Amino acid sequence: MEHGSYKNPSASTFSITEEDHTLANSLRFVLNKDPRVTFCGYSIPHPSEAKVNIRVQTTGEQASEVLKDGCQNLMNMCGHVRKTFEDAVVEFKNNRSVDSMDVA
């Protein structure tokens, strides 16, 4: 849910339910690397409530579009990490010798 202003679409607060510090801090990191972002921060209103508020202020771009781009960038980063890990597992399994395996 977006809590923004119709007068200034470059600054908005977004509420994301069923999420916590894991997504919020990762998204904050990615958004702060975007040159269009002048400020990005998040808060968790209450520890027992599974909700985060992410504040995005931009240089003029619509905050909602910058947030969407940030989410896409984060998904791409996670995909890259996953592929790199899976490739390393396959390489490890292919390179270890049968003699070094403990099959007892």
C-alpha atoms as a PDB file:
ATOM      1  CA  MET A   1       0.000   0.000   0.000  1.00  0.00           C
ATOM      2  CA  GLU A   2       1.341   3.412  -0.930  1.00  0.00           C
ATOM      3  CA  HIS A   3       0.968   6.361   1.414  1.00  0.00           C
ATOM      4  CA  GLY A   4       2.015   9.190  -0.839  1.00  0.00           C
ATOM      5  CA  SER A   5       1.041  12.600  -2.003  1.00  0.00           C
ATOM      6  CA  TYR A   6      -0.658  13.427  -5.271  1.00  0.00           C
ATOM      7  CA  LYS A   7       1.177  16.755  -5.230  1.00  0.00           C
ATOM      8  CA  ASN A   8       4.608  15.138  -4.921  1.00  0.00           C
ATOM      9  CA  PRO A   9       4.829  11.603  -6.404  1.00  0.00           C
ATOM     10  CA  SER A  10       8.603  11.611  -5.910  1.00  0.00           C
ATOM     11  CA  ALA A  11       8.213  10.999  -2.157  1.00  0.00           C
ATOM     12  CA  SER A  12       6.115   8.157  -0.777  1.00  0.00           C
ATOM     13  CA  THR A  13       5.915   5.674   2.051  1.00  0.00           C
ATOM     14  CA  PHE A  14       5.017   2.098   1.205  1.00  0.00           C
ATOM     15  CA  SER A  15       3.589  -0.423   3.682  1.00  0.00           C
ATOM     16  CA  ILE A  16       4.456  -4.039   2.976  1.00  0.00           C
ATOM     17  CA  THR A  17       2.693  -6.686   5.030  1.00  0.00           C
ATOM     18  CA  GLU A  18       3.999 -10.091   6.070  1.00  0.00           C
ATOM     19  CA  GLU A  19       7.619  -8.922   5.808  1.00  0.00           C
ATOM     20  CA  ASP A  20      10.377  -8.012   8.242  1.00  0.00           C
ATOM     21  CA  HIS A  21      13.951  -6.696   8.433  1.00  0.00           C
ATOM     22  CA  THR A  22      15.195  -9.274   5.913  1.00  0.00           C
ATOM     23  CA  LEU A  23      13.399  -7.783   2.931  1.00  0.00           C
ATOM     24  CA  ALA A  24      13.297  -4.207   4.208  1.00  0.00           C
ATOM     25  CA  ASN A  25      17.025  -3.871   4.851  1.00  0.00           C
ATOM     26  CA  SER A  26      17.943  -5.573   1.559  1.00  0.00           C
ATOM     27  CA  LEU A  27      15.575  -3.314  -0.364  1.00  0.00           C
ATOM     28  CA  ARG A  28      16.858  -0.241   1.467  1.00  0.00           C
ATOM     29  CA  PHE A  29      20.424  -1.183   0.499  1.00  0.00           C
ATOM     30  CA  VAL A  30      19.539  -1.646  -3.184  1.00  0.00           C
ATOM     31  CA  LEU A  31      17.478   1.549  -3.347  1.00  0.00           C
ATOM     32  CA  ASN A  32      20.212   3.644  -1.723  1.00  0.00           C
ATOM     33  CA  LYS A  33      22.572   2.529  -4.525  1.00  0.00           C
ATOM     34  CA  ASP A  34      20.166   3.976  -7.131  1.00  0.00           C
ATOM     35  CA  PRO A  35      21.286   7.469  -8.218  1.00  0.00           C
ATOM     36  CA  ARG A  36      17.637   8.549  -8.514  1.00  0.00           C
ATOM     37  CA  VAL A  37      17.105   8.033  -4.765  1.00  0.00           C
ATOM     38  CA  THR A  38      17.824  10.905  -2.390  1.00  0.00           C
ATOM     39  CA  PHE A  39      16.538   9.100   0.712  1.00  0.00           C
ATOM     40  CA  CYS A  40      15.413   5.595   1.567  1.00  0.00           C
ATOM     41  CA  GLY A  41      14.742   4.199   4.989  1.00  0.00           C
ATOM     42  CA  TYR A  42      12.414   1.782   6.682  1.00  0.00           C
ATOM     43  CA  SER A  43      10.697   1.254   9.988  1.00  0.00           C
ATOM     44  CA  ILE A  44       8.778  -1.527  11.640  1.00  0.00           C
ATOM     45  CA  PRO A  45       5.801   0.000  13.463  1.00  0.00           C
ATOM     46  CA  HIS A  46       5.621  -2.700  16.138  1.00  0.00           C
ATOM     47  CA  PRO A  47       7.694  -5.871  16.720  1.00  0.00           C
ATOM     48  CA  SER A  48       4.613  -8.096  16.930  1.00  0.00           C
ATOM     49  CA  GLU A  49       3.190  -6.765  13.672  1.00  0.00           C
ATOM     50  CA  ALA A  50       4.530  -8.326  10.435  1.00  0.00           C
ATOM     51  CA  LYS A  51       4.659  -5.064   8.517  1.00  0.00           C
ATOM     52  CA  VAL A  52       7.358  -2.687   7.297  1.00  0.00           C
ATOM     53  CA  ASN A  53       7.107   0.899   6.124  1.00  0.00           C
ATOM     54  CA  ILE A  54       9.604   1.906   3.441  1.00  0.00           C
ATOM     55  CA  ARG A  55      10.108   5.607   2.727  1.00  0.00           C
ATOM     56  CA  VAL A  56      11.454   6.536  -0.719  1.00  0.00           C
ATOM     57  CA  GLN A  57      12.322  10.051  -1.883  1.00  0.00           C
ATOM     58  CA  THR A  58      13.712  10.594  -5.364  1.00  0.00           C
ATOM     59  CA  THR A  59      15.260  13.316  -7.490  1.00  0.00           C
ATOM     60  CA  GLY A  60      11.997  13.663  -9.408  1.00  0.00           C
ATOM     61  CA  GLU A  61      11.114  10.186 -10.637  1.00  0.00           C
ATOM     62  CA  GLN A  62       7.933   8.580  -9.342  1.00  0.00           C
ATOM     63  CA  ALA A  63       8.776   6.840  -6.077  1.00  0.00           C
ATOM     64  CA  SER A  64       6.558   3.877  -6.958  1.00  0.00           C
ATOM     65  CA  GLU A  65       8.477   3.243 -10.198  1.00  0.00           C
ATOM     66  CA  VAL A  66      11.831   3.496  -8.415  1.00  0.00           C
ATOM     67  CA  LEU A  67      10.588   1.022  -5.780  1.00  0.00           C
ATOM     68  CA  LYS A  68       9.498  -1.408  -8.518  1.00  0.00           C
ATOM     69  CA  ASP A  69      12.925  -1.103 -10.170  1.00  0.00           C
ATOM     70  CA  GLY A  70      14.595  -1.711  -6.803  1.00  0.00           C
ATOM     71  CA  CYS A  71      12.530  -4.856  -6.237  1.00  0.00           C
ATOM     72  CA  GLN A  72      13.466  -6.119  -9.700  1.00  0.00           C
ATOM     73  CA  ASN A  73      17.153  -5.380  -9.066  1.00  0.00           C
ATOM     74  CA  LEU A  74      16.993  -7.238  -5.743  1.00  0.00           C
ATOM     75  CA  MET A  75      15.355 -10.253  -7.406  1.00  0.00           C
ATOM     76  CA  ASN A  76      18.080 -10.242 -10.082  1.00  0.00           C
ATOM     77  CA  MET A  77      20.779 -10.125  -7.398  1.00  0.00           C
ATOM     78  CA  CYS A  78      19.184 -13.042  -5.536  1.00  0.00           C
ATOM     79  CA  GLY A  79      18.929 -15.017  -8.781  1.00  0.00           C
ATOM     80  CA  HIS A  80      22.606 -14.422  -9.480  1.00  0.00           C
ATOM     81  CA  VAL A  81      23.622 -15.541  -5.984  1.00  0.00           C
ATOM     82  CA  ARG A  82      21.461 -18.660  -6.281  1.00  0.00           C
ATOM     83  CA  LYS A  83      22.888 -19.593  -9.704  1.00  0.00           C
ATOM     84  CA  THR A  84      26.460 -19.004  -8.518  1.00  0.00           C
ATOM     85  CA  PHE A  85      25.839 -21.229  -5.486  1.00  0.00           C
ATOM     86  CA  GLU A  86      24.205 -23.993  -7.531  1.00  0.00           C
ATOM     87  CA  ASP A  87      27.077 -23.920 -10.053  1.00  0.00           C
ATOM     88  CA  ALA A  88      29.605 -24.174  -7.210  1.00  0.00           C
ATOM     89  CA  VAL A  89      27.770 -27.185  -5.742  1.00  0.00           C
ATOM     90  CA  VAL A  90      27.767 -28.949  -9.108  1.00  0.00           C
ATOM     91  CA  GLU A  91      31.467 -28.176  -9.602  1.00  0.00           C
ATOM     92  CA  PHE A  92      32.283 -29.461  -6.115  1.00  0.00           C
ATOM     93  CA  LYS A  93      30.356 -32.685  -6.669  1.00  0.00           C
ATOM     94  CA  ASN A  94      32.049 -33.252 -10.037  1.00  0.00           C
ATOM     95  CA  ASN A  95      35.588 -32.583  -8.756  1.00  0.00           C
ATOM     96  CA  ARG A  96      35.710 -34.693  -5.631  1.00  0.00           C
ATOM     97  CA  SER A  97      37.110 -38.139  -6.065  1.00  0.00           C
ATOM     98  CA  VAL A  98      35.363 -41.364  -5.136  1.00  0.00           C
ATOM     99  CA  ASP A  99      38.330 -42.319  -2.924  1.00  0.00           C
ATOM    100  CA  SER A 100      37.756 -39.340  -0.639  1.00  0.00           C
ATOM    101  CA  MET A 101      34.129 -40.240   0.007  1.00  0.00           C
ATOM    102  CA  ASP A 102      33.234 -41.973   3.252  1.00  0.00           C
ATOM    103  CA  VAL A 103      30.775 -44.656   2.196  1.00  0.00           C
ATOM    104  CA  ALA A 104      30.904 -46.758   5.349  1.00  0.00           C
END
